[in-house]
Every structure is written in C-alpha cells, then in structure tokens.
C-alpha cells in the first residue's frame, strides 16, 4: 500500500489491452460484452 503508485501503475496499461481485445474481437464480427474489469467475455 505504501508503494501503491508503482503497483497501480500497470492499471492503465491493462485497461488499454482490455479495450484492444474488445475492439479487435468486435472488428472480427464477434459479440463481446462491455468491460469495466481486467477481463473480457466474448
């Protein structure tokens, strides 16, 4: 917790990958659930 800035520094990178997964799977014609988490249901 004292070093939370360093640990939480990966959150935005993970969110970017999540959004990339959603976008690319949808572009391929798949049905994908919107995600506010670090995973994607498709």
ModelCIF file with pLDDT and N, C-alpha, C, O atoms, coordinates in Angstrom:
data_MODEL
#
_entry.id   MODEL 
#
_entity.id                         1 
_entity.type                       polymer 
_entity.pdbx_number_of_molecules   1 
#
_entity_poly.entity_id                      1 
_entity_poly.type                           'polypeptide(L)' 
_entity_poly.nstd_linkage                   no 
_entity_poly.nstd_monomer                   no 
_entity_poly.pdbx_seq_one_letter_code       
;(UNK)(UNK)(UNK)(UNK)(UNK)(UNK)(UNK)(UNK)(UNK)(UNK)(UNK)(UNK)(UNK)(UNK)(UNK)(UNK)
(UNK)(UNK)(UNK)(UNK)(UNK)(UNK)(UNK)(UNK)(UNK)(UNK)(UNK)(UNK)(UNK)(UNK)(UNK)(UNK)
(UNK)(UNK)(UNK)(UNK)(UNK)(UNK)(UNK)(UNK)(UNK)(UNK)
;
_entity_poly.pdbx_seq_one_letter_code_can   XXXXXXXXXXXXXXXXXXXXXXXXXXXXXXXXXXXXXXXXXX 
_entity_poly.pdbx_strand_id                 A 
#
loop_
_entity_poly_seq.entity_id 
_entity_poly_seq.num 
_entity_poly_seq.mon_id 
_entity_poly_seq.hetero 
1 1  UNK n 
1 2  UNK n 
1 3  UNK n 
1 4  UNK n 
1 5  UNK n 
1 6  UNK n 
1 7  UNK n 
1 8  UNK n 
1 9  UNK n 
1 10 UNK n 
1 11 UNK n 
1 12 UNK n 
1 13 UNK n 
1 14 UNK n 
1 15 UNK n 
1 16 UNK n 
1 17 UNK n 
1 18 UNK n 
1 19 UNK n 
1 20 UNK n 
1 21 UNK n 
1 22 UNK n 
1 23 UNK n 
1 24 UNK n 
1 25 UNK n 
1 26 UNK n 
1 27 UNK n 
1 28 UNK n 
1 29 UNK n 
1 30 UNK n 
1 31 UNK n 
1 32 UNK n 
1 33 UNK n 
1 34 UNK n 
1 35 UNK n 
1 36 UNK n 
1 37 UNK n 
1 38 UNK n 
1 39 UNK n 
1 40 UNK n 
1 41 UNK n 
1 42 UNK n 
#
_struct_asym.id          A 
_struct_asym.entity_id   1 
#
loop_
_ma_qa_metric.id 
_ma_qa_metric.mode 
_ma_qa_metric.name 
_ma_qa_metric.software_group_id 
_ma_qa_metric.type 
1 global pLDDT . pLDDT 
2 local  pLDDT . pLDDT 
#
_ma_qa_metric_global.metric_id      1 
_ma_qa_metric_global.metric_value   97.19 
_ma_qa_metric_global.model_id       1 
_ma_qa_metric_global.ordinal_id     1 
#
loop_
_ma_qa_metric_local.label_asym_id 
_ma_qa_metric_local.label_comp_id 
_ma_qa_metric_local.label_seq_id 
_ma_qa_metric_local.metric_id 
_ma_qa_metric_local.metric_value 
_ma_qa_metric_local.model_id 
_ma_qa_metric_local.ordinal_id 
A UNK 1  2 98.00 1 1  
A UNK 2  2 98.00 1 2  
A UNK 3  2 97.00 1 3  
A UNK 4  2 97.00 1 4  
A UNK 5  2 97.00 1 5  
A UNK 6  2 97.00 1 6  
A UNK 7  2 97.00 1 7  
A UNK 8  2 97.00 1 8  
A UNK 9  2 96.00 1 9  
A UNK 10 2 97.00 1 10 
A UNK 11 2 98.00 1 11 
A UNK 12 2 97.00 1 12 
A UNK 13 2 97.00 1 13 
A UNK 14 2 98.00 1 14 
A UNK 15 2 98.00 1 15 
A UNK 16 2 98.00 1 16 
A UNK 17 2 98.00 1 17 
A UNK 18 2 98.00 1 18 
A UNK 19 2 98.00 1 19 
A UNK 20 2 98.00 1 20 
A UNK 21 2 98.00 1 21 
A UNK 22 2 98.00 1 22 
A UNK 23 2 98.00 1 23 
A UNK 24 2 97.00 1 24 
A UNK 25 2 97.00 1 25 
A UNK 26 2 97.00 1 26 
A UNK 27 2 96.00 1 27 
A UNK 28 2 95.00 1 28 
A UNK 29 2 95.00 1 29 
A UNK 30 2 96.00 1 30 
A UNK 31 2 96.00 1 31 
A UNK 32 2 97.00 1 32 
A UNK 33 2 96.00 1 33 
A UNK 34 2 95.00 1 34 
A UNK 35 2 97.00 1 35 
A UNK 36 2 97.00 1 36 
A UNK 37 2 98.00 1 37 
A UNK 38 2 98.00 1 38 
A UNK 39 2 98.00 1 39 
A UNK 40 2 98.00 1 40 
A UNK 41 2 98.00 1 41 
A UNK 42 2 98.00 1 42 
#
loop_
_atom_site.group_PDB 
_atom_site.id 
_atom_site.type_symbol 
_atom_site.label_atom_id 
_atom_site.label_alt_id 
_atom_site.label_comp_id 
_atom_site.label_asym_id 
_atom_site.label_entity_id 
_atom_site.label_seq_id 
_atom_site.pdbx_PDB_ins_code 
_atom_site.Cartn_x 
_atom_site.Cartn_y 
_atom_site.Cartn_z 
_atom_site.occupancy 
_atom_site.B_iso_or_equiv 
_atom_site.pdbx_formal_charge 
_atom_site.auth_seq_id 
_atom_site.auth_comp_id 
_atom_site.auth_asym_id 
_atom_site.auth_atom_id 
_atom_site.pdbx_PDB_model_num 
ATOM 1   N N  . UNK A 1 1  ? 0.825   -1.208  0.000   1.00 98.00 ? 1  UNK A N  1 
ATOM 2   C CA . UNK A 1 1  ? 0.000   0.000   0.000   1.00 98.00 ? 1  UNK A CA 1 
ATOM 3   C C  . UNK A 1 1  ? 0.860   1.259   0.000   1.00 98.00 ? 1  UNK A C  1 
ATOM 4   O O  . UNK A 1 1  ? 0.496   2.267   -0.606  1.00 98.00 ? 1  UNK A O  1 
ATOM 5   N N  . UNK A 1 2  ? 1.992   1.198   0.676   1.00 98.00 ? 2  UNK A N  1 
ATOM 6   C CA . UNK A 1 2  ? 2.891   2.350   0.694   1.00 98.00 ? 2  UNK A CA 1 
ATOM 7   C C  . UNK A 1 2  ? 3.469   2.631   -0.685  1.00 98.00 ? 2  UNK A C  1 
ATOM 8   O O  . UNK A 1 2  ? 3.828   3.769   -0.988  1.00 98.00 ? 2  UNK A O  1 
ATOM 9   N N  . UNK A 1 3  ? 3.562   1.604   -1.522  1.00 97.00 ? 3  UNK A N  1 
ATOM 10  C CA . UNK A 1 3  ? 4.088   1.744   -2.879  1.00 97.00 ? 3  UNK A CA 1 
ATOM 11  C C  . UNK A 1 3  ? 2.971   1.584   -3.916  1.00 97.00 ? 3  UNK A C  1 
ATOM 12  O O  . UNK A 1 3  ? 3.202   1.084   -5.017  1.00 97.00 ? 3  UNK A O  1 
ATOM 13  N N  . UNK A 1 4  ? 1.779   2.006   -3.556  1.00 97.00 ? 4  UNK A N  1 
ATOM 14  C CA . UNK A 1 4  ? 0.646   1.772   -4.445  1.00 97.00 ? 4  UNK A CA 1 
ATOM 15  C C  . UNK A 1 4  ? 0.773   2.483   -5.788  1.00 97.00 ? 4  UNK A C  1 
ATOM 16  O O  . UNK A 1 4  ? 0.249   2.000   -6.792  1.00 97.00 ? 4  UNK A O  1 
ATOM 17  N N  . UNK A 1 5  ? 1.452   3.610   -5.821  1.00 97.00 ? 5  UNK A N  1 
ATOM 18  C CA . UNK A 1 5  ? 1.605   4.306   -7.099  1.00 97.00 ? 5  UNK A CA 1 
ATOM 19  C C  . UNK A 1 5  ? 2.353   3.431   -8.099  1.00 97.00 ? 5  UNK A C  1 
ATOM 20  O O  . UNK A 1 5  ? 1.999   3.383   -9.277  1.00 97.00 ? 5  UNK A O  1 
ATOM 21  N N  . UNK A 1 6  ? 3.381   2.745   -7.630  1.00 97.00 ? 6  UNK A N  1 
ATOM 22  C CA . UNK A 1 6  ? 4.148   1.861   -8.513  1.00 97.00 ? 6  UNK A CA 1 
ATOM 23  C C  . UNK A 1 6  ? 3.329   0.649   -8.911  1.00 97.00 ? 6  UNK A C  1 
ATOM 24  O O  . UNK A 1 6  ? 3.352   0.239   -10.071 1.00 97.00 ? 6  UNK A O  1 
ATOM 25  N N  . UNK A 1 7  ? 2.605   0.070   -7.961  1.00 97.00 ? 7  UNK A N  1 
ATOM 26  C CA . UNK A 1 7  ? 1.831   -1.135  -8.256  1.00 97.00 ? 7  UNK A CA 1 
ATOM 27  C C  . UNK A 1 7  ? 0.640   -0.831  -9.158  1.00 97.00 ? 7  UNK A C  1 
ATOM 28  O O  . UNK A 1 7  ? 0.355   -1.582  -10.091 1.00 97.00 ? 7  UNK A O  1 
ATOM 29  N N  . UNK A 1 8  ? -0.051  0.266   -8.881  1.00 97.00 ? 8  UNK A N  1 
ATOM 30  C CA . UNK A 1 8  ? -1.219  0.617   -9.687  1.00 97.00 ? 8  UNK A CA 1 
ATOM 31  C C  . UNK A 1 8  ? -0.833  1.241   -11.026 1.00 97.00 ? 8  UNK A C  1 
ATOM 32  O O  . UNK A 1 8  ? -1.694  1.555   -11.848 1.00 97.00 ? 8  UNK A O  1 
ATOM 33  N N  . UNK A 1 9  ? 0.458   1.415   -11.232 1.00 96.00 ? 9  UNK A N  1 
ATOM 34  C CA . UNK A 1 9  ? 0.925   1.973   -12.496 1.00 96.00 ? 9  UNK A CA 1 
ATOM 35  C C  . UNK A 1 9  ? 0.638   1.088   -13.694 1.00 96.00 ? 9  UNK A C  1 
ATOM 36  O O  . UNK A 1 9  ? 0.701   1.550   -14.834 1.00 96.00 ? 9  UNK A O  1 
ATOM 37  N N  . UNK A 1 10 ? 0.323   -0.181  -13.452 1.00 97.00 ? 10 UNK A N  1 
ATOM 38  C CA . UNK A 1 10 ? 0.013   -1.083  -14.567 1.00 97.00 ? 10 UNK A CA 1 
ATOM 39  C C  . UNK A 1 10 ? -1.463  -1.050  -14.968 1.00 97.00 ? 10 UNK A C  1 
ATOM 40  O O  . UNK A 1 10 ? -1.836  -1.600  -16.004 1.00 97.00 ? 10 UNK A O  1 
ATOM 41  N N  . UNK A 1 11 ? -2.291  -0.416  -14.162 1.00 98.00 ? 11 UNK A N  1 
ATOM 42  C CA . UNK A 1 11 ? -3.739  -0.465  -14.404 1.00 98.00 ? 11 UNK A CA 1 
ATOM 43  C C  . UNK A 1 11 ? -4.102  0.111   -15.765 1.00 98.00 ? 11 UNK A C  1 
ATOM 44  O O  . UNK A 1 11 ? -4.877  -0.497  -16.502 1.00 98.00 ? 11 UNK A O  1 
ATOM 45  N N  . UNK A 1 12 ? -3.559  1.265   -16.107 1.00 97.00 ? 12 UNK A N  1 
ATOM 46  C CA . UNK A 1 12 ? -3.915  1.885   -17.387 1.00 97.00 ? 12 UNK A CA 1 
ATOM 47  C C  . UNK A 1 12 ? -3.446  1.042   -18.571 1.00 97.00 ? 12 UNK A C  1 
ATOM 48  O O  . UNK A 1 12 ? -4.121  0.966   -19.598 1.00 97.00 ? 12 UNK A O  1 
ATOM 49  N N  . UNK A 1 13 ? -2.283  0.411   -18.415 1.00 97.00 ? 13 UNK A N  1 
ATOM 50  C CA . UNK A 1 13 ? -1.795  -0.468  -19.483 1.00 97.00 ? 13 UNK A CA 1 
ATOM 51  C C  . UNK A 1 13 ? -2.720  -1.666  -19.656 1.00 97.00 ? 13 UNK A C  1 
ATOM 52  O O  . UNK A 1 13 ? -3.003  -2.079  -20.781 1.00 97.00 ? 13 UNK A O  1 
ATOM 53  N N  . UNK A 1 14 ? -3.184  -2.216  -18.557 1.00 98.00 ? 14 UNK A N  1 
ATOM 54  C CA . UNK A 1 14 ? -4.103  -3.360  -18.624 1.00 98.00 ? 14 UNK A CA 1 
ATOM 55  C C  . UNK A 1 14 ? -5.423  -2.934  -19.248 1.00 98.00 ? 14 UNK A C  1 
ATOM 56  O O  . UNK A 1 14 ? -5.979  -3.658  -20.074 1.00 98.00 ? 14 UNK A O  1 
ATOM 57  N N  . UNK A 1 15 ? -5.927  -1.775  -18.866 1.00 98.00 ? 15 UNK A N  1 
ATOM 58  C CA . UNK A 1 15 ? -7.177  -1.275  -19.445 1.00 98.00 ? 15 UNK A CA 1 
ATOM 59  C C  . UNK A 1 15 ? -7.033  -1.069  -20.951 1.00 98.00 ? 15 UNK A C  1 
ATOM 60  O O  . UNK A 1 15 ? -7.973  -1.317  -21.706 1.00 98.00 ? 15 UNK A O  1 
ATOM 61  N N  . UNK A 1 16 ? -5.864  -0.618  -21.384 1.00 98.00 ? 16 UNK A N  1 
ATOM 62  C CA . UNK A 1 16 ? -5.638  -0.424  -22.823 1.00 98.00 ? 16 UNK A CA 1 
ATOM 63  C C  . UNK A 1 16 ? -5.685  -1.759  -23.555 1.00 98.00 ? 16 UNK A C  1 
ATOM 64  O O  . UNK A 1 16 ? -6.245  -1.847  -24.648 1.00 98.00 ? 16 UNK A O  1 
ATOM 65  N N  . UNK A 1 17 ? -5.099  -2.803  -22.959 1.00 98.00 ? 17 UNK A N  1 
ATOM 66  C CA . UNK A 1 17 ? -5.149  -4.129  -23.582 1.00 98.00 ? 17 UNK A CA 1 
ATOM 67  C C  . UNK A 1 17 ? -6.571  -4.687  -23.574 1.00 98.00 ? 17 UNK A C  1 
ATOM 68  O O  . UNK A 1 17 ? -7.006  -5.314  -24.540 1.00 98.00 ? 17 UNK A O  1 
ATOM 69  N N  . UNK A 1 18 ? -7.287  -4.454  -22.485 1.00 98.00 ? 18 UNK A N  1 
ATOM 70  C CA . UNK A 1 18 ? -8.697  -4.866  -22.431 1.00 98.00 ? 18 UNK A CA 1 
ATOM 71  C C  . UNK A 1 18 ? -9.488  -4.229  -23.569 1.00 98.00 ? 18 UNK A C  1 
ATOM 72  O O  . UNK A 1 18 ? -10.231 -4.907  -24.279 1.00 98.00 ? 18 UNK A O  1 
ATOM 73  N N  . UNK A 1 19 ? -9.322  -2.937  -23.731 1.00 98.00 ? 19 UNK A N  1 
ATOM 74  C CA . UNK A 1 19 ? -10.068 -2.235  -24.776 1.00 98.00 ? 19 UNK A CA 1 
ATOM 75  C C  . UNK A 1 19 ? -9.636  -2.683  -26.168 1.00 98.00 ? 19 UNK A C  1 
ATOM 76  O O  . UNK A 1 19 ? -10.444 -2.713  -27.097 1.00 98.00 ? 19 UNK A O  1 
ATOM 77  N N  . UNK A 1 20 ? -8.349  -3.033  -26.309 1.00 98.00 ? 20 UNK A N  1 
ATOM 78  C CA . UNK A 1 20 ? -7.872  -3.542  -27.601 1.00 98.00 ? 20 UNK A CA 1 
ATOM 79  C C  . UNK A 1 20 ? -8.516  -4.890  -27.911 1.00 98.00 ? 20 UNK A C  1 
ATOM 80  O O  . UNK A 1 20 ? -8.901  -5.150  -29.052 1.00 98.00 ? 20 UNK A O  1 
ATOM 81  N N  . UNK A 1 21 ? -8.633  -5.747  -26.895 1.00 98.00 ? 21 UNK A N  1 
ATOM 82  C CA . UNK A 1 21 ? -9.276  -7.048  -27.100 1.00 98.00 ? 21 UNK A CA 1 
ATOM 83  C C  . UNK A 1 21 ? -10.723 -6.850  -27.538 1.00 98.00 ? 21 UNK A C  1 
ATOM 84  O O  . UNK A 1 21 ? -11.179 -7.469  -28.499 1.00 98.00 ? 21 UNK A O  1 
ATOM 85  N N  . UNK A 1 22 ? -11.438 -5.983  -26.828 1.00 98.00 ? 22 UNK A N  1 
ATOM 86  C CA . UNK A 1 22 ? -12.843 -5.724  -27.183 1.00 98.00 ? 22 UNK A CA 1 
ATOM 87  C C  . UNK A 1 22 ? -12.953 -5.229  -28.620 1.00 98.00 ? 22 UNK A C  1 
ATOM 88  O O  . UNK A 1 22 ? -13.771 -5.727  -29.394 1.00 98.00 ? 22 UNK A O  1 
ATOM 89  N N  . UNK A 1 23 ? -12.129 -4.247  -28.972 1.00 98.00 ? 23 UNK A N  1 
ATOM 90  C CA . UNK A 1 23 ? -12.211 -3.644  -30.304 1.00 98.00 ? 23 UNK A CA 1 
ATOM 91  C C  . UNK A 1 23 ? -11.877 -4.649  -31.400 1.00 98.00 ? 23 UNK A C  1 
ATOM 92  O O  . UNK A 1 23 ? -12.576 -4.712  -32.412 1.00 98.00 ? 23 UNK A O  1 
ATOM 93  N N  . UNK A 1 24 ? -10.819 -5.435  -31.214 1.00 97.00 ? 24 UNK A N  1 
ATOM 94  C CA . UNK A 1 24 ? -10.395 -6.352  -32.276 1.00 97.00 ? 24 UNK A CA 1 
ATOM 95  C C  . UNK A 1 24 ? -11.353 -7.535  -32.439 1.00 97.00 ? 24 UNK A C  1 
ATOM 96  O O  . UNK A 1 24 ? -11.601 -7.984  -33.558 1.00 97.00 ? 24 UNK A O  1 
ATOM 97  N N  . UNK A 1 25 ? -11.884 -8.032  -31.333 1.00 97.00 ? 25 UNK A N  1 
ATOM 98  C CA . UNK A 1 25 ? -12.842 -9.123  -31.445 1.00 97.00 ? 25 UNK A CA 1 
ATOM 99  C C  . UNK A 1 25 ? -14.142 -8.643  -32.101 1.00 97.00 ? 25 UNK A C  1 
ATOM 100 O O  . UNK A 1 25 ? -14.747 -9.358  -32.900 1.00 97.00 ? 25 UNK A O  1 
ATOM 101 N N  . UNK A 1 26 ? -14.553 -7.443  -31.756 1.00 97.00 ? 26 UNK A N  1 
ATOM 102 C CA . UNK A 1 26 ? -15.758 -6.904  -32.394 1.00 97.00 ? 26 UNK A CA 1 
ATOM 103 C C  . UNK A 1 26 ? -15.515 -6.636  -33.875 1.00 97.00 ? 26 UNK A C  1 
ATOM 104 O O  . UNK A 1 26 ? -16.403 -6.844  -34.703 1.00 97.00 ? 26 UNK A O  1 
ATOM 105 N N  . UNK A 1 27 ? -14.323 -6.180  -34.201 1.00 96.00 ? 27 UNK A N  1 
ATOM 106 C CA . UNK A 1 27 ? -13.999 -5.940  -35.611 1.00 96.00 ? 27 UNK A CA 1 
ATOM 107 C C  . UNK A 1 27 ? -14.027 -7.239  -36.411 1.00 96.00 ? 27 UNK A C  1 
ATOM 108 O O  . UNK A 1 27 ? -14.271 -7.233  -37.618 1.00 96.00 ? 27 UNK A O  1 
ATOM 109 N N  . UNK A 1 28 ? -13.773 -8.355  -35.720 1.00 95.00 ? 28 UNK A N  1 
ATOM 110 C CA . UNK A 1 28 ? -13.819 -9.666  -36.381 1.00 95.00 ? 28 UNK A CA 1 
ATOM 111 C C  . UNK A 1 28 ? -15.240 -10.222 -36.438 1.00 95.00 ? 28 UNK A C  1 
ATOM 112 O O  . UNK A 1 28 ? -15.460 -11.326 -36.936 1.00 95.00 ? 28 UNK A O  1 
ATOM 113 N N  . UNK A 1 29 ? -16.194 -9.461  -35.931 1.00 95.00 ? 29 UNK A N  1 
ATOM 114 C CA . UNK A 1 29 ? -17.592 -9.865  -36.016 1.00 95.00 ? 29 UNK A CA 1 
ATOM 115 C C  . UNK A 1 29 ? -18.118 -10.627 -34.816 1.00 95.00 ? 29 UNK A C  1 
ATOM 116 O O  . UNK A 1 29 ? -19.220 -11.173 -34.865 1.00 95.00 ? 29 UNK A O  1 
ATOM 117 N N  . UNK A 1 30 ? -17.346 -10.675 -33.740 1.00 96.00 ? 30 UNK A N  1 
ATOM 118 C CA . UNK A 1 30 ? -17.791 -11.413 -32.564 1.00 96.00 ? 30 UNK A CA 1 
ATOM 119 C C  . UNK A 1 30 ? -18.591 -10.517 -31.625 1.00 96.00 ? 30 UNK A C  1 
ATOM 120 O O  . UNK A 1 30 ? -18.402 -9.301  -31.597 1.00 96.00 ? 30 UNK A O  1 
ATOM 121 N N  . UNK A 1 31 ? -19.483 -11.132 -30.861 1.00 96.00 ? 31 UNK A N  1 
ATOM 122 C CA . UNK A 1 31 ? -20.230 -10.423 -29.829 1.00 96.00 ? 31 UNK A CA 1 
ATOM 123 C C  . UNK A 1 31 ? -19.388 -10.384 -28.566 1.00 96.00 ? 31 UNK A C  1 
ATOM 124 O O  . UNK A 1 31 ? -18.934 -11.421 -28.082 1.00 96.00 ? 31 UNK A O  1 
ATOM 125 N N  . UNK A 1 32 ? -19.181 -9.185  -28.031 1.00 97.00 ? 32 UNK A N  1 
ATOM 126 C CA . UNK A 1 32 ? -18.290 -9.003  -26.887 1.00 97.00 ? 32 UNK A CA 1 
ATOM 127 C C  . UNK A 1 32 ? -18.998 -8.127  -25.853 1.00 97.00 ? 32 UNK A C  1 
ATOM 128 O O  . UNK A 1 32 ? -19.573 -7.096  -26.203 1.00 97.00 ? 32 UNK A O  1 
ATOM 129 N N  . UNK A 1 33 ? -18.959 -8.526  -24.600 1.00 96.00 ? 33 UNK A N  1 
ATOM 130 C CA . UNK A 1 33 ? -19.560 -7.735  -23.533 1.00 96.00 ? 33 UNK A CA 1 
ATOM 131 C C  . UNK A 1 33 ? -18.693 -6.521  -23.218 1.00 96.00 ? 33 UNK A C  1 
ATOM 132 O O  . UNK A 1 33 ? -17.466 -6.598  -23.270 1.00 96.00 ? 33 UNK A O  1 
ATOM 133 N N  . UNK A 1 34 ? -19.338 -5.392  -22.888 1.00 95.00 ? 34 UNK A N  1 
ATOM 134 C CA . UNK A 1 34 ? -18.592 -4.237  -22.411 1.00 95.00 ? 34 UNK A CA 1 
ATOM 135 C C  . UNK A 1 34 ? -17.888 -4.609  -21.109 1.00 95.00 ? 34 UNK A C  1 
ATOM 136 O O  . UNK A 1 34 ? -18.422 -5.383  -20.316 1.00 95.00 ? 34 UNK A O  1 
ATOM 137 N N  . UNK A 1 35 ? -16.699 -4.065  -20.885 1.00 97.00 ? 35 UNK A N  1 
ATOM 138 C CA . UNK A 1 35 ? -15.950 -4.452  -19.692 1.00 97.00 ? 35 UNK A CA 1 
ATOM 139 C C  . UNK A 1 35 ? -15.418 -3.252  -18.930 1.00 97.00 ? 35 UNK A C  1 
ATOM 140 O O  . UNK A 1 35 ? -14.825 -2.341  -19.508 1.00 97.00 ? 35 UNK A O  1 
ATOM 141 N N  . UNK A 1 36 ? -15.642 -3.268  -17.613 1.00 97.00 ? 36 UNK A N  1 
ATOM 142 C CA . UNK A 1 36 ? -15.041 -2.316  -16.687 1.00 97.00 ? 36 UNK A CA 1 
ATOM 143 C C  . UNK A 1 36 ? -14.025 -3.029  -15.800 1.00 97.00 ? 36 UNK A C  1 
ATOM 144 O O  . UNK A 1 36 ? -13.593 -2.492  -14.780 1.00 97.00 ? 36 UNK A O  1 
ATOM 145 N N  . UNK A 1 37 ? -13.648 -4.242  -16.199 1.00 98.00 ? 37 UNK A N  1 
ATOM 146 C CA . UNK A 1 37 ? -12.743 -5.055  -15.391 1.00 98.00 ? 37 UNK A CA 1 
ATOM 147 C C  . UNK A 1 37 ? -11.433 -5.281  -16.142 1.00 98.00 ? 37 UNK A C  1 
ATOM 148 O O  . UNK A 1 37 ? -11.151 -4.589  -17.121 1.00 98.00 ? 37 UNK A O  1 
ATOM 149 N N  . UNK A 1 38 ? -10.631 -6.247  -15.688 1.00 98.00 ? 38 UNK A N  1 
ATOM 150 C CA . UNK A 1 38 ? -9.378  -6.560  -16.381 1.00 98.00 ? 38 UNK A CA 1 
ATOM 151 C C  . UNK A 1 38 ? -9.529  -7.838  -17.204 1.00 98.00 ? 38 UNK A C  1 
ATOM 152 O O  . UNK A 1 38 ? -8.563  -8.572  -17.414 1.00 98.00 ? 38 UNK A O  1 
ATOM 153 N N  . UNK A 1 39 ? -10.752 -8.094  -17.666 1.00 98.00 ? 39 UNK A N  1 
ATOM 154 C CA . UNK A 1 39 ? -11.029 -9.268  -18.488 1.00 98.00 ? 39 UNK A CA 1 
ATOM 155 C C  . UNK A 1 39 ? -12.146 -8.947  -19.463 1.00 98.00 ? 39 UNK A C  1 
ATOM 156 O O  . UNK A 1 39 ? -12.817 -7.921  -19.357 1.00 98.00 ? 39 UNK A O  1 
ATOM 157 N N  . UNK A 1 40 ? -12.329 -9.855  -20.419 1.00 98.00 ? 40 UNK A N  1 
ATOM 158 C CA . UNK A 1 40 ? -13.337 -9.655  -21.468 1.00 98.00 ? 40 UNK A CA 1 
ATOM 159 C C  . UNK A 1 40 ? -14.099 -10.964 -21.662 1.00 98.00 ? 40 UNK A C  1 
ATOM 160 O O  . UNK A 1 40 ? -13.497 -12.032 -21.776 1.00 98.00 ? 40 UNK A O  1 
ATOM 161 N N  . UNK A 1 41 ? -15.405 -10.873 -21.696 1.00 98.00 ? 41 UNK A N  1 
ATOM 162 C CA . UNK A 1 41 ? -16.266 -12.017 -22.002 1.00 98.00 ? 41 UNK A CA 1 
ATOM 163 C C  . UNK A 1 41 ? -16.706 -11.887 -23.457 1.00 98.00 ? 41 UNK A C  1 
ATOM 164 O O  . UNK A 1 41 ? -17.205 -10.841 -23.871 1.00 98.00 ? 41 UNK A O  1 
ATOM 165 N N  . UNK A 1 42 ? -16.520 -12.955 -24.226 1.00 98.00 ? 42 UNK A N  1 
ATOM 166 C CA . UNK A 1 42 ? -16.836 -12.868 -25.649 1.00 98.00 ? 42 UNK A CA 1 
ATOM 167 C C  . UNK A 1 42 ? -17.461 -14.167 -26.147 1.00 98.00 ? 42 UNK A C  1 
ATOM 168 O O  . UNK A 1 42 ? -17.794 -14.280 -27.327 1.00 98.00 ? 42 UNK A O  1 
#
